[in-house]
C-alpha atoms as a PDB file:
ATOM      1  CA  MET A   1       0.000   0.000   0.000  1.00  0.00           C
ATOM      2  CA  PRO A   2       2.843   2.468  -0.406  1.00  0.00           C
ATOM      3  CA  PHE A   3       2.057   5.879  -1.814  1.00  0.00           C
ATOM      4  CA  VAL A   4       5.155   7.416  -3.394  1.00  0.00           C
ATOM      5  CA  ASN A   5       5.939  11.083  -4.037  1.00  0.00           C
ATOM      6  CA  VAL A   6       9.024  11.854  -6.102  1.00  0.00           C
ATOM      7  CA  TYR A   7      10.392  15.386  -6.211  1.00  0.00           C
ATOM      8  CA  TYR A   8      12.980  16.282  -8.833  1.00  0.00           C
ATOM      9  CA  SER A   9      14.436  19.334 -10.565  1.00  0.00           C
ATOM     10  CA  GLU A  10      12.063  20.274 -13.376  1.00  0.00           C
ATOM     11  CA  TYR A  11      14.752  19.947 -16.061  1.00  0.00           C
ATOM     12  CA  GLN A  12      16.427  16.850 -14.630  1.00  0.00           C
ATOM     13  CA  LEU A  13      14.359  13.972 -16.042  1.00  0.00           C
ATOM     14  CA  ASN A  14      12.442  13.468 -19.270  1.00  0.00           C
ATOM     15  CA  ASP A  15       9.252  11.387 -19.551  1.00  0.00           C
ATOM     16  CA  LYS A  16      11.130   8.201 -20.456  1.00  0.00           C
ATOM     17  CA  GLU A  17      13.453   8.625 -17.456  1.00  0.00           C
ATOM     18  CA  LEU A  18      10.495   9.339 -15.141  1.00  0.00           C
ATOM     19  CA  LYS A  19       8.938   6.047 -16.200  1.00  0.00           C
ATOM     20  CA  LYS A  20      12.237   4.264 -15.442  1.00  0.00           C
ATOM     21  CA  VAL A  21      12.404   5.846 -11.976  1.00  0.00           C
ATOM     22  CA  SER A  22       8.805   4.806 -11.380  1.00  0.00           C
ATOM     23  CA  ASN A  23       9.526   1.230 -12.443  1.00  0.00           C
ATOM     24  CA  PHE A  24      12.706   1.002 -10.319  1.00  0.00           C
ATOM     25  CA  ILE A  25      10.815   2.233  -7.252  1.00  0.00           C
ATOM     26  CA  HIS A  26       7.914  -0.142  -7.836  1.00  0.00           C
ATOM     27  CA  GLN A  27      10.135  -3.165  -8.463  1.00  0.00           C
ATOM     28  CA  SER A  28      12.184  -2.395  -5.347  1.00  0.00           C
ATOM     29  CA  LEU A  29       8.999  -2.154  -3.270  1.00  0.00           C
ATOM     30  CA  ILE A  30       7.804  -5.497  -4.660  1.00  0.00           C
ATOM     31  CA  GLN A  31      11.170  -7.127  -3.985  1.00  0.00           C
ATOM     32  CA  HIS A  32      11.907  -5.732  -0.516  1.00  0.00           C
ATOM     33  CA  PHE A  33       8.501  -4.786   0.945  1.00  0.00           C
ATOM     34  CA  TYR A  34       6.641  -7.678  -0.721  1.00  0.00           C
ATOM     35  CA  ILE A  35       3.830  -5.464  -2.008  1.00  0.00           C
ATOM     36  CA  PRO A  36       1.385  -6.809  -4.614  1.00  0.00           C
ATOM     37  CA  LYS A  37       2.272  -5.982  -8.216  1.00  0.00           C
ATOM     38  CA  ASP A  38      -0.918  -3.937  -8.689  1.00  0.00           C
ATOM     39  CA  ASP A  39      -0.320  -1.845  -5.530  1.00  0.00           C
ATOM     40  CA  TYR A  40       0.996   0.988  -7.672  1.00  0.00           C
ATOM     41  CA  PHE A  41       0.416   4.614  -6.628  1.00  0.00           C
ATOM     42  CA  GLN A  42       3.044   7.261  -7.416  1.00  0.00           C
ATOM     43  CA  LEU A  43       3.088  11.021  -7.971  1.00  0.00           C
ATOM     44  CA  PHE A  44       6.010  12.861  -9.621  1.00  0.00           C
ATOM     45  CA  LEU A  45       6.411  16.522  -8.701  1.00  0.00           C
ATOM     46  CA  PRO A  46       8.962  18.680 -10.530  1.00  0.00           C
ATOM     47  CA  TYR A  47      10.305  21.729  -8.716  1.00  0.00           C
ATOM     48  CA  PRO A  48      12.285  24.761  -9.865  1.00  0.00           C
ATOM     49  CA  PRO A  49      15.898  24.216  -8.723  1.00  0.00           C
ATOM     50  CA  GLN A  50      15.896  27.515  -6.838  1.00  0.00           C
ATOM     51  CA  HIS A  51      13.039  26.228  -4.625  1.00  0.00           C
ATOM     52  CA  PHE A  52      15.022  23.384  -3.060  1.00  0.00           C
ATOM     53  CA  PHE A  53      17.394  24.207  -0.224  1.00  0.00           C
ATOM     54  CA  TYR A  54      19.809  21.675   1.247  1.00  0.00           C
ATOM     55  CA  ASP A  55      23.235  21.210   2.762  1.00  0.00           C
ATOM     56  CA  SER A  56      25.613  19.763   0.170  1.00  0.00           C
ATOM     57  CA  GLN A  57      27.504  17.533   2.630  1.00  0.00           C
ATOM     58  CA  TYR A  58      25.206  16.679   5.567  1.00  0.00           C
ATOM     59  CA  LEU A  59      25.869  13.043   6.652  1.00  0.00           C
ATOM     60  CA  LEU A  60      27.786  12.159   3.477  1.00  0.00           C
ATOM     61  CA  GLU A  61      31.093  10.357   3.901  1.00  0.00           C
ATOM     62  CA  ASN A  62      34.558  11.011   2.446  1.00  0.00           C
ATOM     63  CA  GLY A  63      33.976  14.638   1.502  1.00  0.00           C
ATOM     64  CA  GLU A  64      31.272  13.711  -1.032  1.00  0.00           C
ATOM     65  CA  LYS A  65      28.775  16.416  -2.066  1.00  0.00           C
ATOM     66  CA  ARG A  66      25.242  16.733  -3.321  1.00  0.00           C
ATOM     67  CA  THR A  67      24.417  18.779  -6.406  1.00  0.00           C
ATOM     68  CA  ASP A  68      21.347  20.539  -7.765  1.00  0.00           C
ATOM     69  CA  GLN A  69      20.331  17.214  -9.349  1.00  0.00           C
ATOM     70  CA  MET A  70      18.817  15.831  -6.135  1.00  0.00           C
ATOM     71  CA  ILE A  71      15.890  13.463  -6.343  1.00  0.00           C
ATOM     72  CA  TYR A  72      13.745  13.134  -3.229  1.00  0.00           C
ATOM     73  CA  ILE A  73      11.648   9.973  -2.841  1.00  0.00           C
ATOM     74  CA  SER A  74       9.036  10.062  -0.094  1.00  0.00           C
ATOM     75  CA  ILE A  75       7.243   6.774   0.583  1.00  0.00           C
ATOM     76  CA  THR A  76       4.186   6.594   2.828  1.00  0.00           C
ATOM     77  CA  CYS A  77       3.529   3.019   3.907  1.00  0.00           C
ATOM     78  CA  GLY A  78       2.361   0.738   6.694  1.00  0.00           C
ATOM     79  CA  GLN A  79       4.454   0.008   9.763  1.00  0.00           C
ATOM     80  CA  GLU A  80       5.206  -3.691   9.322  1.00  0.00           C
ATOM     81  CA  ARG A  81       8.641  -3.527   7.605  1.00  0.00           C
ATOM     82  CA  THR A  82      11.881  -4.453   9.347  1.00  0.00           C
ATOM     83  CA  ILE A  83      14.958  -2.270   9.515  1.00  0.00           C
ATOM     84  CA  GLN A  84      16.717  -4.750   7.218  1.00  0.00           C
ATOM     85  CA  GLN A  85      13.943  -4.458   4.597  1.00  0.00           C
ATOM     86  CA  LYS A  86      14.211  -0.674   4.730  1.00  0.00           C
ATOM     87  CA  LYS A  87      17.988  -0.727   4.334  1.00  0.00           C
ATOM     88  CA  LYS A  88      17.703  -3.076   1.355  1.00  0.00           C
ATOM     89  CA  LEU A  89      15.100  -0.817  -0.244  1.00  0.00           C
ATOM     90  CA  TYR A  90      17.331   2.259   0.140  1.00  0.00           C
ATOM     91  CA  GLN A  91      20.336   0.412  -1.283  1.00  0.00           C
ATOM     92  CA  SER A  92      18.371  -1.047  -4.173  1.00  0.00           C
ATOM     93  CA  LEU A  93      16.942   2.325  -5.197  1.00  0.00           C
ATOM     94  CA  ALA A  94      20.299   4.067  -4.956  1.00  0.00           C
ATOM     95  CA  GLU A  95      22.020   1.384  -7.056  1.00  0.00           C
ATOM     96  CA  GLU A  96      19.312   1.244  -9.743  1.00  0.00           C
ATOM     97  CA  LEU A  97      19.018   5.013 -10.159  1.00  0.00           C
ATOM     98  CA  SER A  98      22.763   5.492 -10.149  1.00  0.00           C
ATOM     99  CA  THR A  99      23.458   2.676 -12.591  1.00  0.00           C
ATOM    100  CA  HIS A 100      20.641   3.183 -15.072  1.00  0.00           C
ATOM    101  CA  LEU A 101      20.041   6.951 -14.939  1.00  0.00           C
ATOM    102  CA  ASN A 102      23.450   8.272 -13.959  1.00  0.00           C
ATOM    103  CA  ILE A 103      22.125   9.905 -10.789  1.00  0.00           C
ATOM    104  CA  SER A 104      24.803  10.137  -8.133  1.00  0.00           C
ATOM    105  CA  THR A 105      23.921   8.180  -5.001  1.00  0.00           C
ATOM    106  CA  ASN A 106      24.764  11.393  -3.127  1.00  0.00           C
ATOM    107  CA  ASN A 107      21.721  12.953  -4.789  1.00  0.00           C
ATOM    108  CA  ILE A 108      19.209  10.234  -3.896  1.00  0.00           C
ATOM    109  CA  PHE A 109      17.306  11.193  -0.757  1.00  0.00           C
ATOM    110  CA  ILE A 110      14.684   8.737   0.546  1.00  0.00           C
ATOM    111  CA  THR A 111      12.253   8.963   3.446  1.00  0.00           C
ATOM    112  CA  LEU A 112       9.680   6.509   4.754  1.00  0.00           C
ATOM    113  CA  ASN A 113       6.579   7.814   6.468  1.00  0.00           C
ATOM    114  CA  GLU A 114       4.905   4.971   8.308  1.00  0.00           C
ATOM    115  CA  THR A 115       1.226   5.135   9.159  1.00  0.00           C
ATOM    116  CA  LEU A 116      -1.390   2.861  10.696  1.00  0.00           C
ATOM    117  CA  LEU A 117      -3.607   0.745   8.427  1.00  0.00           C
ATOM    118  CA  GLU A 118      -6.793   2.531   9.520  1.00  0.00           C
ATOM    119  CA  ASN A 119      -5.392   5.760   8.054  1.00  0.00           C
ATOM    120  CA  TRP A 120      -5.811   4.509   4.466  1.00  0.00           C
ATOM    121  CA  SER A 121      -8.761   4.586   2.082  1.00  0.00           C
ATOM    122  CA  PHE A 122      -8.236   3.448  -1.495  1.00  0.00           C
ATOM    123  CA  GLY A 123     -11.552   4.928  -2.611  1.00  0.00           C
ATOM    124  CA  GLN A 124     -15.276   4.357  -2.076  1.00  0.00           C
ATOM    125  CA  GLY A 125     -15.046   5.794   1.435  1.00  0.00           C
ATOM    126  CA  ILE A 126     -13.830   2.445   2.749  1.00  0.00           C
ATOM    127  CA  ALA A 127     -10.859   1.645   4.990  1.00  0.00           C
ATOM    128  CA  GLN A 128      -9.917  -1.405   2.905  1.00  0.00           C
ATOM    129  CA  MET A 129      -6.866  -2.330   4.979  1.00  0.00           C
ATOM    130  CA  VAL A 130      -8.845  -2.624   8.218  1.00  0.00           C
ATOM    131  CA  ASN A 131     -10.555  -5.908   8.982  1.00  0.00           C
ATOM    132  CA  GLN A 132     -14.281  -5.208   9.257  1.00  0.00           C
ATOM    133  CA  LYS A 133     -14.438  -7.257  12.480  1.00  0.00           C
ATOM    134  CA  GLU A 134     -11.964  -4.873  14.136  1.00  0.00           C
ATOM    135  CA  GLU A 135     -14.324  -1.922  13.591  1.00  0.00           C
ATOM    136  CA  LYS A 136     -17.112  -3.365  15.811  1.00  0.00           C
END
């Protein structure tokens, strides 16, 4: 049930590259979070480069730096994943984006926002992830 927001510099990725990023994210979620193949909800949001402020070296090792080509992946999901699954997801995304789209791993910023199952509705005004027996 992840919902993914991807923020990127408006001139950084073309439509073909956006589709690749989307596919890499989805495949990594399937592989490491074991989501169903059809659990596919993503929103890509370009931003003007002058609207993104960041420190170029915060928590990077060996004097590495970020550039204006940062891509920020925000994933809202349930709370049932292990720390190991999360680490594997981060690593997988960084490797795929770096290898196939020439995005420096320094520029790949990922956050997970975990939420309870009752906080989701996939339409029809129904909390589909909540067992109906639990509501009574």
